[in-house]
C-alpha cells in the first residue's frame, strides 16, 4: 500500500491484491480517522463484493463527518450503497470530497 497525504485527503493506493490491501487498511485506518480517505484500486483487480466489504469504513467516516471515496474503474456507482462513493478517477474522488464538505458546511 502506498500512502499519500494532501491538504484535503489521504490517498491509500493498493499495490498487490485486494485481500492484502484490506488487511493493511484494517491496521492503519485508525491513523487516518480525522482525514478524508480515498482508496485507489485502479491498479488491481477488485470485485463488487470486495468494494461492498468496505462499507463499515465508509460508515465510520460518515459518522465522523468525513468523506470516503473509492477509485475503481468499470463499476456502476449506482450499484453500491450511498456511503460507498465509487468513482473511476482521482479527480472525481476529489470532487466527491468537495461536494461532501459543501454539504456539511451548509448543514445538510
C-alpha atoms as a PDB file:
ATOM      1  CA  UNK A   1       0.000   0.000   0.000  1.00  0.00           C
ATOM      2  CA  UNK A   2       1.214   3.468  -0.856  1.00  0.00           C
ATOM      3  CA  UNK A   3       0.016   6.340   1.327  1.00  0.00           C
ATOM      4  CA  UNK A   4      -0.033   9.908   0.053  1.00  0.00           C
ATOM      5  CA  UNK A   5      -1.426  12.844   2.009  1.00  0.00           C
ATOM      6  CA  UNK A   6      -2.682  16.129   0.637  1.00  0.00           C
ATOM      7  CA  UNK A   7      -4.445  19.118   2.127  1.00  0.00           C
ATOM      8  CA  UNK A   8      -7.896  17.616   1.539  1.00  0.00           C
ATOM      9  CA  UNK A   9      -7.426  13.861   1.826  1.00  0.00           C
ATOM     10  CA  UNK A  10      -5.226  10.838   2.338  1.00  0.00           C
ATOM     11  CA  UNK A  11      -4.863   8.544  -0.667  1.00  0.00           C
ATOM     12  CA  UNK A  12      -4.295   4.843   0.021  1.00  0.00           C
ATOM     13  CA  UNK A  13      -3.256   3.043  -3.157  1.00  0.00           C
ATOM     14  CA  UNK A  14      -3.466  -0.733  -3.484  1.00  0.00           C
ATOM     15  CA  UNK A  15      -0.359  -2.315  -4.982  1.00  0.00           C
ATOM     16  CA  UNK A  16      -0.857  -6.084  -4.740  1.00  0.00           C
ATOM     17  CA  UNK A  17      -4.123  -7.886  -4.029  1.00  0.00           C
ATOM     18  CA  UNK A  18      -7.366  -6.676  -2.534  1.00  0.00           C
ATOM     19  CA  UNK A  19      -7.051  -9.070   0.412  1.00  0.00           C
ATOM     20  CA  UNK A  20      -3.574  -7.788   1.265  1.00  0.00           C
ATOM     21  CA  UNK A  21      -4.774  -4.200   0.945  1.00  0.00           C
ATOM     22  CA  UNK A  22      -7.803  -4.800   3.173  1.00  0.00           C
ATOM     23  CA  UNK A  23      -5.587  -6.317   5.875  1.00  0.00           C
ATOM     24  CA  UNK A  24      -3.235  -3.327   5.717  1.00  0.00           C
ATOM     25  CA  UNK A  25      -6.218  -0.956   5.773  1.00  0.00           C
ATOM     26  CA  UNK A  26      -7.531  -2.530   8.972  1.00  0.00           C
ATOM     27  CA  UNK A  27      -4.108  -1.955  10.549  1.00  0.00           C
ATOM     28  CA  UNK A  28      -3.730   1.702   9.548  1.00  0.00           C
ATOM     29  CA  UNK A  29      -7.321   3.006   9.343  1.00  0.00           C
ATOM     30  CA  UNK A  30      -7.201   4.470  12.853  1.00  0.00           C
ATOM     31  CA  UNK A  31      -4.178   6.565  11.898  1.00  0.00           C
ATOM     32  CA  UNK A  32      -6.320   8.474   9.411  1.00  0.00           C
ATOM     33  CA  UNK A  33      -9.580   8.748  11.353  1.00  0.00           C
ATOM     34  CA  UNK A  34      -9.508  12.561  11.243  1.00  0.00           C
ATOM     35  CA  UNK A  35      -8.952  12.798   7.478  1.00  0.00           C
ATOM     36  CA  UNK A  36     -10.945  12.301   4.308  1.00  0.00           C
ATOM     37  CA  UNK A  37      -9.901   8.995   2.757  1.00  0.00           C
ATOM     38  CA  UNK A  38      -9.605   7.908  -0.870  1.00  0.00           C
ATOM     39  CA  UNK A  39      -8.881   4.265  -1.692  1.00  0.00           C
ATOM     40  CA  UNK A  40      -7.361   3.666  -5.117  1.00  0.00           C
ATOM     41  CA  UNK A  41      -7.931   0.254  -6.691  1.00  0.00           C
ATOM     42  CA  UNK A  42      -7.159   1.327 -10.253  1.00  0.00           C
ATOM     43  CA  UNK A  43      -4.011  -0.827 -10.351  1.00  0.00           C
ATOM     44  CA  UNK A  44      -5.511  -4.098  -9.102  1.00  0.00           C
ATOM     45  CA  UNK A  45      -8.481  -6.324  -9.828  1.00  0.00           C
ATOM     46  CA  UNK A  46     -11.434  -5.891  -7.468  1.00  0.00           C
ATOM     47  CA  UNK A  47     -14.961  -7.242  -7.461  1.00  0.00           C
ATOM     48  CA  UNK A  48     -18.209  -5.613  -6.499  1.00  0.00           C
ATOM     49  CA  UNK A  49     -18.213  -7.788  -3.372  1.00  0.00           C
ATOM     50  CA  UNK A  50     -14.727  -6.538  -2.459  1.00  0.00           C
ATOM     51  CA  UNK A  51     -15.912  -2.954  -2.646  1.00  0.00           C
ATOM     52  CA  UNK A  52     -19.088  -3.750  -0.682  1.00  0.00           C
ATOM     53  CA  UNK A  53     -16.927  -5.220   2.083  1.00  0.00           C
ATOM     54  CA  UNK A  54     -15.519  -1.722   2.756  1.00  0.00           C
ATOM     55  CA  UNK A  55     -18.881  -0.286   3.777  1.00  0.00           C
ATOM     56  CA  UNK A  56     -18.048  -0.267   7.503  1.00  0.00           C
ATOM     57  CA  UNK A  57     -15.124   2.082   6.817  1.00  0.00           C
ATOM     58  CA  UNK A  58     -17.365   4.396   4.796  1.00  0.00           C
ATOM     59  CA  UNK A  59     -19.946   4.405   7.593  1.00  0.00           C
ATOM     60  CA  UNK A  60     -17.283   5.258  10.176  1.00  0.00           C
ATOM     61  CA  UNK A  61     -16.107   8.175   8.046  1.00  0.00           C
ATOM     62  CA  UNK A  62     -19.688   9.411   7.592  1.00  0.00           C
ATOM     63  CA  UNK A  63     -20.316   9.230  11.353  1.00  0.00           C
ATOM     64  CA  UNK A  64     -17.216  11.399  11.844  1.00  0.00           C
ATOM     65  CA  UNK A  65     -18.353  13.925   9.185  1.00  0.00           C
ATOM     66  CA  UNK A  66     -15.559  12.890   6.852  1.00  0.00           C
ATOM     67  CA  UNK A  67     -15.566  11.653   3.279  1.00  0.00           C
ATOM     68  CA  UNK A  68     -14.687   8.231   1.917  1.00  0.00           C
ATOM     69  CA  UNK A  69     -14.243   7.618  -1.806  1.00  0.00           C
ATOM     70  CA  UNK A  70     -13.126   4.591  -3.779  1.00  0.00           C
ATOM     71  CA  UNK A  71     -11.403   4.722  -7.156  1.00  0.00           C
ATOM     72  CA  UNK A  72     -12.314   1.654  -9.188  1.00  0.00           C
ATOM     73  CA  UNK A  73     -12.656   1.554 -12.940  1.00  0.00           C
ATOM     74  CA  UNK A  74     -15.508  -0.168 -14.777  1.00  0.00           C
ATOM     75  CA  UNK A  75     -18.061  -0.099 -11.956  1.00  0.00           C
ATOM     76  CA  UNK A  76     -21.500   1.463 -11.883  1.00  0.00           C
ATOM     77  CA  UNK A  77     -21.593   3.783  -8.870  1.00  0.00           C
ATOM     78  CA  UNK A  78     -25.354   3.221  -8.537  1.00  0.00           C
ATOM     79  CA  UNK A  79     -24.725  -0.452  -7.747  1.00  0.00           C
ATOM     80  CA  UNK A  80     -23.392   0.487  -4.305  1.00  0.00           C
ATOM     81  CA  UNK A  81     -24.810   1.800  -1.058  1.00  0.00           C
ATOM     82  CA  UNK A  82     -24.971   5.571  -0.681  1.00  0.00           C
ATOM     83  CA  UNK A  83     -21.986   5.643   1.699  1.00  0.00           C
ATOM     84  CA  UNK A  84     -19.769   3.977  -0.907  1.00  0.00           C
ATOM     85  CA  UNK A  85     -18.693   6.695  -3.324  1.00  0.00           C
ATOM     86  CA  UNK A  86     -17.200   4.677  -6.187  1.00  0.00           C
ATOM     87  CA  UNK A  87     -15.662   6.724  -8.989  1.00  0.00           C
ATOM     88  CA  UNK A  88     -13.255   5.992 -11.859  1.00  0.00           C
ATOM     89  CA  UNK A  89     -10.653   8.742 -11.267  1.00  0.00           C
ATOM     90  CA  UNK A  90      -8.870  10.670  -8.532  1.00  0.00           C
ATOM     91  CA  UNK A  91     -10.318  13.918  -9.879  1.00  0.00           C
ATOM     92  CA  UNK A  92     -13.838  12.599  -9.353  1.00  0.00           C
ATOM     93  CA  UNK A  93     -12.939  11.377  -5.867  1.00  0.00           C
ATOM     94  CA  UNK A  94     -11.695  14.876  -5.024  1.00  0.00           C
ATOM     95  CA  UNK A  95     -14.955  16.304  -6.429  1.00  0.00           C
ATOM     96  CA  UNK A  96     -16.913  13.976  -4.111  1.00  0.00           C
ATOM     97  CA  UNK A  97     -14.911  15.259  -1.137  1.00  0.00           C
ATOM     98  CA  UNK A  98     -15.525  18.875  -2.165  1.00  0.00           C
ATOM     99  CA  UNK A  99     -19.264  18.244  -2.533  1.00  0.00           C
ATOM    100  CA  UNK A 100     -19.414  16.450   0.827  1.00  0.00           C
ATOM    101  CA  UNK A 101     -17.623  19.342   2.519  1.00  0.00           C
ATOM    102  CA  UNK A 102     -20.002  21.892   0.981  1.00  0.00           C
ATOM    103  CA  UNK A 103     -22.982  19.824   2.084  1.00  0.00           C
ATOM    104  CA  UNK A 104     -21.648  19.628   5.645  1.00  0.00           C
ATOM    105  CA  UNK A 105     -20.842  23.368   5.670  1.00  0.00           C
ATOM    106  CA  UNK A 106     -24.444  24.100   4.671  1.00  0.00           C
ATOM    107  CA  UNK A 107     -25.717  21.915   7.499  1.00  0.00           C
ATOM    108  CA  UNK A 108     -27.307  19.154   5.440  1.00  0.00           C
END
